[in-house]
Amino acid sequence: TIAQRLAEGSLVGWFQGRLEMGPRA
């Protein structure tokens, strides 16, 4: 579902699993 929305041009906030450490998401 989200892949389809992204392909259509939507911008998505993606929050899942354990938080990353360091400066990069």
mmCIF file of all heavy atoms, coordinates in Angstrom:
data_MODEL
# 
_entry.id   MODEL 
# 
loop_
_atom_site.group_PDB 
_atom_site.id 
_atom_site.type_symbol 
_atom_site.label_atom_id 
_atom_site.label_alt_id 
_atom_site.label_comp_id 
_atom_site.label_asym_id 
_atom_site.label_entity_id 
_atom_site.label_seq_id 
_atom_site.pdbx_PDB_ins_code 
_atom_site.Cartn_x 
_atom_site.Cartn_y 
_atom_site.Cartn_z 
_atom_site.occupancy 
_atom_site.B_iso_or_equiv 
_atom_site.pdbx_formal_charge 
_atom_site.auth_seq_id 
_atom_site.auth_comp_id 
_atom_site.auth_asym_id 
_atom_site.auth_atom_id 
_atom_site.pdbx_PDB_model_num 
ATOM 1   N N   . THR A 1 1  ? 0.827  -1.217 0.000  1.00 0.00 ? 1  THR A N   1 
ATOM 2   C CA  . THR A 1 1  ? 0.000  0.000  0.000  1.00 0.00 ? 1  THR A CA  1 
ATOM 3   C C   . THR A 1 1  ? 0.855  1.257  0.000  1.00 0.00 ? 1  THR A C   1 
ATOM 4   O O   . THR A 1 1  ? 0.624  2.192  -0.788 1.00 0.00 ? 1  THR A O   1 
ATOM 5   C CB  . THR A 1 1  ? -0.925 -0.003 1.224  1.00 0.00 ? 1  THR A CB  1 
ATOM 6   O OG1 . THR A 1 1  ? -1.777 -1.151 1.179  1.00 0.00 ? 1  THR A OG1 1 
ATOM 7   C CG2 . THR A 1 1  ? -1.763 1.263  1.273  1.00 0.00 ? 1  THR A CG2 1 
ATOM 8   N N   . ILE A 1 2  ? 1.873  1.295  0.866  1.00 0.00 ? 2  ILE A N   1 
ATOM 9   C CA  . ILE A 1 2  ? 2.718  2.484  0.969  1.00 0.00 ? 2  ILE A CA  1 
ATOM 10  C C   . ILE A 1 2  ? 3.598  2.637  -0.266 1.00 0.00 ? 2  ILE A C   1 
ATOM 11  O O   . ILE A 1 2  ? 3.825  3.766  -0.746 1.00 0.00 ? 2  ILE A O   1 
ATOM 12  C CB  . ILE A 1 2  ? 3.562  2.433  2.253  1.00 0.00 ? 2  ILE A CB  1 
ATOM 13  C CG1 . ILE A 1 2  ? 2.639  2.456  3.469  1.00 0.00 ? 2  ILE A CG1 1 
ATOM 14  C CG2 . ILE A 1 2  ? 4.553  3.590  2.310  1.00 0.00 ? 2  ILE A CG2 1 
ATOM 15  C CD1 . ILE A 1 2  ? 1.696  3.650  3.529  1.00 0.00 ? 2  ILE A CD1 1 
ATOM 16  N N   . ALA A 1 3  ? 4.077  1.545  -0.811 1.00 0.00 ? 3  ALA A N   1 
ATOM 17  C CA  . ALA A 1 3  ? 4.868  1.619  -2.049 1.00 0.00 ? 3  ALA A CA  1 
ATOM 18  C C   . ALA A 1 3  ? 4.048  2.244  -3.173 1.00 0.00 ? 3  ALA A C   1 
ATOM 19  O O   . ALA A 1 3  ? 4.562  3.059  -3.956 1.00 0.00 ? 3  ALA A O   1 
ATOM 20  C CB  . ALA A 1 3  ? 5.353  0.226  -2.445 1.00 0.00 ? 3  ALA A CB  1 
ATOM 21  N N   . GLN A 1 4  ? 2.757  1.885  -3.243 1.00 0.00 ? 4  GLN A N   1 
ATOM 22  C CA  . GLN A 1 4  ? 1.890  2.460  -4.273 1.00 0.00 ? 4  GLN A CA  1 
ATOM 23  C C   . GLN A 1 4  ? 1.729  3.971  -4.055 1.00 0.00 ? 4  GLN A C   1 
ATOM 24  O O   . GLN A 1 4  ? 1.784  4.758  -4.997 1.00 0.00 ? 4  GLN A O   1 
ATOM 25  C CB  . GLN A 1 4  ? 0.526  1.774  -4.243 1.00 0.00 ? 4  GLN A CB  1 
ATOM 26  C CG  . GLN A 1 4  ? -0.425 2.226  -5.339 1.00 0.00 ? 4  GLN A CG  1 
ATOM 27  C CD  . GLN A 1 4  ? 0.078  1.864  -6.731 1.00 0.00 ? 4  GLN A CD  1 
ATOM 28  O OE1 . GLN A 1 4  ? 0.433  0.722  -7.004 1.00 0.00 ? 4  GLN A OE1 1 
ATOM 29  N NE2 . GLN A 1 4  ? 0.145  2.856  -7.631 1.00 0.00 ? 4  GLN A NE2 1 
ATOM 30  N N   . ARG A 1 5  ? 1.528  4.371  -2.816 1.00 0.00 ? 5  ARG A N   1 
ATOM 31  C CA  . ARG A 1 5  ? 1.391  5.809  -2.534 1.00 0.00 ? 5  ARG A CA  1 
ATOM 32  C C   . ARG A 1 5  ? 2.675  6.571  -2.871 1.00 0.00 ? 5  ARG A C   1 
ATOM 33  O O   . ARG A 1 5  ? 2.621  7.677  -3.421 1.00 0.00 ? 5  ARG A O   1 
ATOM 34  C CB  . ARG A 1 5  ? 1.036  6.024  -1.054 1.00 0.00 ? 5  ARG A CB  1 
ATOM 35  C CG  . ARG A 1 5  ? -0.253 5.354  -0.624 1.00 0.00 ? 5  ARG A CG  1 
ATOM 36  C CD  . ARG A 1 5  ? -1.470 5.934  -1.340 1.00 0.00 ? 5  ARG A CD  1 
ATOM 37  N NE  . ARG A 1 5  ? -2.675 5.169  -1.033 1.00 0.00 ? 5  ARG A NE  1 
ATOM 38  C CZ  . ARG A 1 5  ? -3.161 4.182  -1.786 1.00 0.00 ? 5  ARG A CZ  1 
ATOM 39  N NH1 . ARG A 1 5  ? -2.559 3.850  -2.923 1.00 0.00 ? 5  ARG A NH1 1 
ATOM 40  N NH2 . ARG A 1 5  ? -4.259 3.538  -1.424 1.00 0.00 ? 5  ARG A NH2 1 
ATOM 41  N N   . LEU A 1 6  ? 3.810  5.992  -2.555 1.00 0.00 ? 6  LEU A N   1 
ATOM 42  C CA  . LEU A 1 6  ? 5.085  6.632  -2.890 1.00 0.00 ? 6  LEU A CA  1 
ATOM 43  C C   . LEU A 1 6  ? 5.250  6.752  -4.401 1.00 0.00 ? 6  LEU A C   1 
ATOM 44  O O   . LEU A 1 6  ? 5.695  7.790  -4.913 1.00 0.00 ? 6  LEU A O   1 
ATOM 45  C CB  . LEU A 1 6  ? 6.254  5.832  -2.292 1.00 0.00 ? 6  LEU A CB  1 
ATOM 46  C CG  . LEU A 1 6  ? 6.419  5.933  -0.770 1.00 0.00 ? 6  LEU A CG  1 
ATOM 47  C CD1 . LEU A 1 6  ? 7.308  4.806  -0.255 1.00 0.00 ? 6  LEU A CD1 1 
ATOM 48  C CD2 . LEU A 1 6  ? 7.014  7.283  -0.395 1.00 0.00 ? 6  LEU A CD2 1 
ATOM 49  N N   . ALA A 1 7  ? 4.882  5.714  -5.121 1.00 0.00 ? 7  ALA A N   1 
ATOM 50  C CA  . ALA A 1 7  ? 4.996  5.743  -6.583 1.00 0.00 ? 7  ALA A CA  1 
ATOM 51  C C   . ALA A 1 7  ? 4.081  6.796  -7.197 1.00 0.00 ? 7  ALA A C   1 
ATOM 52  O O   . ALA A 1 7  ? 4.365  7.324  -8.282 1.00 0.00 ? 7  ALA A O   1 
ATOM 53  C CB  . ALA A 1 7  ? 4.675  4.361  -7.153 1.00 0.00 ? 7  ALA A CB  1 
ATOM 54  N N   . GLU A 1 8  ? 3.012  7.112  -6.499 1.00 0.00 ? 8  GLU A N   1 
ATOM 55  C CA  . GLU A 1 8  ? 2.079  8.142  -6.980 1.00 0.00 ? 8  GLU A CA  1 
ATOM 56  C C   . GLU A 1 8  ? 2.519  9.554  -6.591 1.00 0.00 ? 8  GLU A C   1 
ATOM 57  O O   . GLU A 1 8  ? 1.851  10.528 -6.926 1.00 0.00 ? 8  GLU A O   1 
ATOM 58  C CB  . GLU A 1 8  ? 0.684  7.862  -6.405 1.00 0.00 ? 8  GLU A CB  1 
ATOM 59  C CG  . GLU A 1 8  ? 0.063  6.574  -6.945 1.00 0.00 ? 8  GLU A CG  1 
ATOM 60  C CD  . GLU A 1 8  ? -1.173 6.147  -6.156 1.00 0.00 ? 8  GLU A CD  1 
ATOM 61  O OE1 . GLU A 1 8  ? -1.465 6.806  -5.114 1.00 0.00 ? 8  GLU A OE1 1 
ATOM 62  O OE2 . GLU A 1 8  ? -1.822 5.156  -6.538 1.00 0.00 ? 8  GLU A OE2 1 
ATOM 63  N N   . GLY A 1 9  ? 3.612  9.655  -5.831 1.00 0.00 ? 9  GLY A N   1 
ATOM 64  C CA  . GLY A 1 9  ? 4.152  10.960 -5.492 1.00 0.00 ? 9  GLY A CA  1 
ATOM 65  C C   . GLY A 1 9  ? 3.909  11.412 -4.070 1.00 0.00 ? 9  GLY A C   1 
ATOM 66  O O   . GLY A 1 9  ? 4.271  12.540 -3.707 1.00 0.00 ? 9  GLY A O   1 
ATOM 67  N N   . SER A 1 10 ? 3.320  10.577 -3.237 1.00 0.00 ? 10 SER A N   1 
ATOM 68  C CA  . SER A 1 10 ? 3.068  10.966 -1.853 1.00 0.00 ? 10 SER A CA  1 
ATOM 69  C C   . SER A 1 10 ? 4.375  11.009 -1.059 1.00 0.00 ? 10 SER A C   1 
ATOM 70  O O   . SER A 1 10 ? 5.337  10.299 -1.365 1.00 0.00 ? 10 SER A O   1 
ATOM 71  C CB  . SER A 1 10 ? 2.104  9.980  -1.185 1.00 0.00 ? 10 SER A CB  1 
ATOM 72  O OG  . SER A 1 10 ? 0.825  10.051 -1.776 1.00 0.00 ? 10 SER A OG  1 
ATOM 73  N N   . LEU A 1 11 ? 4.379  11.843 -0.020 1.00 0.00 ? 11 LEU A N   1 
ATOM 74  C CA  . LEU A 1 11 ? 5.498  11.934 0.909  1.00 0.00 ? 11 LEU A CA  1 
ATOM 75  C C   . LEU A 1 11 ? 5.087  11.257 2.210  1.00 0.00 ? 11 LEU A C   1 
ATOM 76  O O   . LEU A 1 11 ? 4.013  11.537 2.745  1.00 0.00 ? 11 LEU A O   1 
ATOM 77  C CB  . LEU A 1 11 ? 5.857  13.400 1.166  1.00 0.00 ? 11 LEU A CB  1 
ATOM 78  C CG  . LEU A 1 11 ? 6.142  14.242 -0.093 1.00 0.00 ? 11 LEU A CG  1 
ATOM 79  C CD1 . LEU A 1 11 ? 6.472  15.676 0.290  1.00 0.00 ? 11 LEU A CD1 1 
ATOM 80  C CD2 . LEU A 1 11 ? 7.266  13.635 -0.913 1.00 0.00 ? 11 LEU A CD2 1 
ATOM 81  N N   . VAL A 1 12 ? 5.938  10.373 2.710  1.00 0.00 ? 12 VAL A N   1 
ATOM 82  C CA  . VAL A 1 12 ? 5.548  9.454  3.786  1.00 0.00 ? 12 VAL A CA  1 
ATOM 83  C C   . VAL A 1 12 ? 6.504  9.552  4.964  1.00 0.00 ? 12 VAL A C   1 
ATOM 84  O O   . VAL A 1 12 ? 7.732  9.487  4.802  1.00 0.00 ? 12 VAL A O   1 
ATOM 85  C CB  . VAL A 1 12 ? 5.532  8.000  3.265  1.00 0.00 ? 12 VAL A CB  1 
ATOM 86  C CG1 . VAL A 1 12 ? 5.252  7.012  4.401  1.00 0.00 ? 12 VAL A CG1 1 
ATOM 87  C CG2 . VAL A 1 12 ? 4.492  7.854  2.153  1.00 0.00 ? 12 VAL A CG2 1 
ATOM 88  N N   . GLY A 1 13 ? 5.936  9.688  6.172  1.00 0.00 ? 13 GLY A N   1 
ATOM 89  C CA  . GLY A 1 13 ? 6.704  9.502  7.394  1.00 0.00 ? 13 GLY A CA  1 
ATOM 90  C C   . GLY A 1 13 ? 6.676  8.031  7.775  1.00 0.00 ? 13 GLY A C   1 
ATOM 91  O O   . GLY A 1 13 ? 5.602  7.436  7.856  1.00 0.00 ? 13 GLY A O   1 
ATOM 92  N N   . TRP A 1 14 ? 7.848  7.445  8.018  1.00 0.00 ? 14 TRP A N   1 
ATOM 93  C CA  . TRP A 1 14 ? 7.983  5.990  8.201  1.00 0.00 ? 14 TRP A CA  1 
ATOM 94  C C   . TRP A 1 14 ? 8.611  5.737  9.575  1.00 0.00 ? 14 TRP A C   1 
ATOM 95  O O   . TRP A 1 14 ? 9.775  6.038  9.802  1.00 0.00 ? 14 TRP A O   1 
ATOM 96  C CB  . TRP A 1 14 ? 8.833  5.431  7.071  1.00 0.00 ? 14 TRP A CB  1 
ATOM 97  C CG  . TRP A 1 14 ? 9.103  3.961  7.085  1.00 0.00 ? 14 TRP A CG  1 
ATOM 98  C CD1 . TRP A 1 14 ? 10.228 3.340  7.532  1.00 0.00 ? 14 TRP A CD1 1 
ATOM 99  C CD2 . TRP A 1 14 ? 8.256  2.910  6.587  1.00 0.00 ? 14 TRP A CD2 1 
ATOM 100 N NE1 . TRP A 1 14 ? 10.143 1.980  7.358  1.00 0.00 ? 14 TRP A NE1 1 
ATOM 101 C CE2 . TRP A 1 14 ? 8.938  1.692  6.773  1.00 0.00 ? 14 TRP A CE2 1 
ATOM 102 C CE3 . TRP A 1 14 ? 6.987  2.888  6.007  1.00 0.00 ? 14 TRP A CE3 1 
ATOM 103 C CZ2 . TRP A 1 14 ? 8.395  0.472  6.395  1.00 0.00 ? 14 TRP A CZ2 1 
ATOM 104 C CZ3 . TRP A 1 14 ? 6.444  1.658  5.640  1.00 0.00 ? 14 TRP A CZ3 1 
ATOM 105 C CH2 . TRP A 1 14 ? 7.145  0.471  5.818  1.00 0.00 ? 14 TRP A CH2 1 
ATOM 106 N N   . PHE A 1 15 ? 7.808  5.175  10.490 1.00 0.00 ? 15 PHE A N   1 
ATOM 107 C CA  . PHE A 1 15 ? 8.208  4.986  11.878 1.00 0.00 ? 15 PHE A CA  1 
ATOM 108 C C   . PHE A 1 15 ? 8.006  3.518  12.221 1.00 0.00 ? 15 PHE A C   1 
ATOM 109 O O   . PHE A 1 15 ? 6.876  3.037  12.255 1.00 0.00 ? 15 PHE A O   1 
ATOM 110 C CB  . PHE A 1 15 ? 7.335  5.884  12.770 1.00 0.00 ? 15 PHE A CB  1 
ATOM 111 C CG  . PHE A 1 15 ? 7.651  5.852  14.239 1.00 0.00 ? 15 PHE A CG  1 
ATOM 112 C CD1 . PHE A 1 15 ? 8.261  6.938  14.847 1.00 0.00 ? 15 PHE A CD1 1 
ATOM 113 C CD2 . PHE A 1 15 ? 7.300  4.759  15.035 1.00 0.00 ? 15 PHE A CD2 1 
ATOM 114 C CE1 . PHE A 1 15 ? 8.534  6.932  16.216 1.00 0.00 ? 15 PHE A CE1 1 
ATOM 115 C CE2 . PHE A 1 15 ? 7.576  4.744  16.391 1.00 0.00 ? 15 PHE A CE2 1 
ATOM 116 C CZ  . PHE A 1 15 ? 8.194  5.832  16.987 1.00 0.00 ? 15 PHE A CZ  1 
ATOM 117 N N   . GLN A 1 16 ? 9.109  2.804  12.486 1.00 0.00 ? 16 GLN A N   1 
ATOM 118 C CA  . GLN A 1 16 ? 8.989  1.386  12.800 1.00 0.00 ? 16 GLN A CA  1 
ATOM 119 C C   . GLN A 1 16 ? 10.248 0.902  13.506 1.00 0.00 ? 16 GLN A C   1 
ATOM 120 O O   . GLN A 1 16 ? 11.320 1.468  13.362 1.00 0.00 ? 16 GLN A O   1 
ATOM 121 C CB  . GLN A 1 16 ? 8.763  0.555  11.530 1.00 0.00 ? 16 GLN A CB  1 
ATOM 122 C CG  . GLN A 1 16 ? 9.819  0.740  10.466 1.00 0.00 ? 16 GLN A CG  1 
ATOM 123 C CD  . GLN A 1 16 ? 10.549 -0.557 10.100 1.00 0.00 ? 16 GLN A CD  1 
ATOM 124 O OE1 . GLN A 1 16 ? 10.243 -1.622 10.610 1.00 0.00 ? 16 GLN A OE1 1 
ATOM 125 N NE2 . GLN A 1 16 ? 11.522 -0.431 9.216  1.00 0.00 ? 16 GLN A NE2 1 
ATOM 126 N N   . GLY A 1 17 ? 10.102 -0.159 14.303 1.00 0.00 ? 17 GLY A N   1 
ATOM 127 C CA  . GLY A 1 17 ? 11.250 -0.809 14.920 1.00 0.00 ? 17 GLY A CA  1 
ATOM 128 C C   . GLY A 1 17 ? 11.981 0.075  15.917 1.00 0.00 ? 17 GLY A C   1 
ATOM 129 O O   . GLY A 1 17 ? 11.455 1.059  16.443 1.00 0.00 ? 17 GLY A O   1 
ATOM 130 N N   . ARG A 1 18 ? 13.236 -0.297 16.173 1.00 0.00 ? 18 ARG A N   1 
ATOM 131 C CA  . ARG A 1 18 ? 14.053 0.395  17.162 1.00 0.00 ? 18 ARG A CA  1 
ATOM 132 C C   . ARG A 1 18 ? 14.685 1.655  16.563 1.00 0.00 ? 18 ARG A C   1 
ATOM 133 O O   . ARG A 1 18 ? 15.109 1.667  15.405 1.00 0.00 ? 18 ARG A O   1 
ATOM 134 C CB  . ARG A 1 18 ? 15.146 -0.530 17.699 1.00 0.00 ? 18 ARG A CB  1 
ATOM 135 C CG  . ARG A 1 18 ? 14.606 -1.724 18.451 1.00 0.00 ? 18 ARG A CG  1 
ATOM 136 C CD  . ARG A 1 18 ? 15.715 -2.560 19.060 1.00 0.00 ? 18 ARG A CD  1 
ATOM 137 N NE  . ARG A 1 18 ? 16.380 -1.846 20.168 1.00 0.00 ? 18 ARG A NE  1 
ATOM 138 C CZ  . ARG A 1 18 ? 17.361 -2.386 20.897 1.00 0.00 ? 18 ARG A CZ  1 
ATOM 139 N NH1 . ARG A 1 18 ? 17.786 -3.627 20.643 1.00 0.00 ? 18 ARG A NH1 1 
ATOM 140 N NH2 . ARG A 1 18 ? 17.914 -1.688 21.875 1.00 0.00 ? 18 ARG A NH2 1 
ATOM 141 N N   . LEU A 1 19 ? 14.753 2.686  17.356 1.00 0.00 ? 19 LEU A N   1 
ATOM 142 C CA  . LEU A 1 19 ? 15.345 3.956  16.950 1.00 0.00 ? 19 LEU A CA  1 
ATOM 143 C C   . LEU A 1 19 ? 16.817 3.770  16.580 1.00 0.00 ? 19 LEU A C   1 
ATOM 144 O O   . LEU A 1 19 ? 17.558 3.077  17.277 1.00 0.00 ? 19 LEU A O   1 
ATOM 145 C CB  . LEU A 1 19 ? 15.227 4.949  18.112 1.00 0.00 ? 19 LEU A CB  1 
ATOM 146 C CG  . LEU A 1 19 ? 15.963 6.283  17.989 1.00 0.00 ? 19 LEU A CG  1 
ATOM 147 C CD1 . LEU A 1 19 ? 15.326 7.149  16.913 1.00 0.00 ? 19 LEU A CD1 1 
ATOM 148 C CD2 . LEU A 1 19 ? 15.958 7.001  19.336 1.00 0.00 ? 19 LEU A CD2 1 
ATOM 149 N N   . GLU A 1 20 ? 17.225 4.410  15.503 1.00 0.00 ? 20 GLU A N   1 
ATOM 150 C CA  . GLU A 1 20 ? 18.624 4.409  15.097 1.00 0.00 ? 20 GLU A CA  1 
ATOM 151 C C   . GLU A 1 20 ? 19.456 5.262  16.041 1.00 0.00 ? 20 GLU A C   1 
ATOM 152 O O   . GLU A 1 20 ? 18.987 6.256  16.579 1.00 0.00 ? 20 GLU A O   1 
ATOM 153 C CB  . GLU A 1 20 ? 18.805 4.972  13.677 1.00 0.00 ? 20 GLU A CB  1 
ATOM 154 C CG  . GLU A 1 20 ? 18.025 4.265  12.589 1.00 0.00 ? 20 GLU A CG  1 
ATOM 155 C CD  . GLU A 1 20 ? 16.686 4.920  12.278 1.00 0.00 ? 20 GLU A CD  1 
ATOM 156 O OE1 . GLU A 1 20 ? 16.105 5.561  13.193 1.00 0.00 ? 20 GLU A OE1 1 
ATOM 157 O OE2 . GLU A 1 20 ? 16.216 4.774  11.147 1.00 0.00 ? 20 GLU A OE2 1 
ATOM 158 N N   . MET A 1 21 ? 20.711 4.891  16.226 1.00 0.00 ? 21 MET A N   1 
ATOM 159 C CA  . MET A 1 21 ? 21.683 5.765  16.869 1.00 0.00 ? 21 MET A CA  1 
ATOM 160 C C   . MET A 1 21 ? 22.530 6.402  15.776 1.00 0.00 ? 21 MET A C   1 
ATOM 161 O O   . MET A 1 21 ? 22.757 5.803  14.728 1.00 0.00 ? 21 MET A O   1 
ATOM 162 C CB  . MET A 1 21 ? 22.567 4.984  17.835 1.00 0.00 ? 21 MET A CB  1 
ATOM 163 C CG  . MET A 1 21 ? 23.380 5.875  18.769 1.00 0.00 ? 21 MET A CG  1 
ATOM 164 S SD  . MET A 1 21 ? 24.488 4.945  19.836 1.00 0.00 ? 21 MET A SD  1 
ATOM 165 C CE  . MET A 1 21 ? 24.966 6.232  21.004 1.00 0.00 ? 21 MET A CE  1 
ATOM 166 N N   . GLY A 1 22 ? 22.999 7.613  16.021 1.00 0.00 ? 22 GLY A N   1 
ATOM 167 C CA  . GLY A 1 22 ? 23.836 8.289  15.036 1.00 0.00 ? 22 GLY A CA  1 
ATOM 168 C C   . GLY A 1 22 ? 23.049 9.305  14.234 1.00 0.00 ? 22 GLY A C   1 
ATOM 169 O O   . GLY A 1 22 ? 21.834 9.451  14.387 1.00 0.00 ? 22 GLY A O   1 
ATOM 170 N N   . PRO A 1 23 ? 23.736 10.021 13.348 1.00 0.00 ? 23 PRO A N   1 
ATOM 171 C CA  . PRO A 1 23 ? 23.117 11.156 12.659 1.00 0.00 ? 23 PRO A CA  1 
ATOM 172 C C   . PRO A 1 23 ? 22.244 10.786 11.471 1.00 0.00 ? 23 PRO A C   1 
ATOM 173 O O   . PRO A 1 23 ? 21.602 11.666 10.908 1.00 0.00 ? 23 PRO A O   1 
ATOM 174 C CB  . PRO A 1 23 ? 24.330 11.968 12.192 1.00 0.00 ? 23 PRO A CB  1 
ATOM 175 C CG  . PRO A 1 23 ? 25.406 10.946 11.996 1.00 0.00 ? 23 PRO A CG  1 
ATOM 176 C CD  . PRO A 1 23 ? 25.180 9.912  13.065 1.00 0.00 ? 23 PRO A CD  1 
ATOM 177 N N   . ARG A 1 24 ? 22.228 9.518  11.060 1.00 0.00 ? 24 ARG A N   1 
ATOM 178 C CA  . ARG A 1 24 ? 21.466 9.132  9.877  1.00 0.00 ? 24 ARG A CA  1 
ATOM 179 C C   . ARG A 1 24 ? 20.231 8.321  10.246 1.00 0.00 ? 24 ARG A C   1 
ATOM 180 O O   . ARG A 1 24 ? 20.294 7.405  11.066 1.00 0.00 ? 24 ARG A O   1 
ATOM 181 C CB  . ARG A 1 24 ? 22.328 8.279  8.926  1.00 0.00 ? 24 ARG A CB  1 
ATOM 182 C CG  . ARG A 1 24 ? 23.706 8.843  8.652  1.00 0.00 ? 24 ARG A CG  1 
ATOM 183 C CD  . ARG A 1 24 ? 23.663 10.068 7.791  1.00 0.00 ? 24 ARG A CD  1 
ATOM 184 N NE  . ARG A 1 24 ? 25.006 10.524 7.506  1.00 0.00 ? 24 ARG A NE  1 
ATOM 185 C CZ  . ARG A 1 24 ? 25.418 11.774 7.576  1.00 0.00 ? 24 ARG A CZ  1 
ATOM 186 N NH1 . ARG A 1 24 ? 24.571 12.718 7.942  1.00 0.00 ? 24 ARG A NH1 1 
ATOM 187 N NH2 . ARG A 1 24 ? 26.657 12.108 7.295  1.00 0.00 ? 24 ARG A NH2 1 
ATOM 188 N N   . ALA A 1 25 ? 19.113 8.639  9.618  1.00 0.00 ? 25 ALA A N   1 
ATOM 189 C CA  . ALA A 1 25 ? 17.938 7.779  9.691  1.00 0.00 ? 25 ALA A CA  1 
ATOM 190 C C   . ALA A 1 25 ? 18.112 6.651  8.683  1.00 0.00 ? 25 ALA A C   1 
ATOM 191 O O   . ALA A 1 25 ? 18.391 6.901  7.512  1.00 0.00 ? 25 ALA A O   1 
ATOM 192 C CB  . ALA A 1 25 ? 16.677 8.570  9.380  1.00 0.00 ? 25 ALA A CB  1 
# 
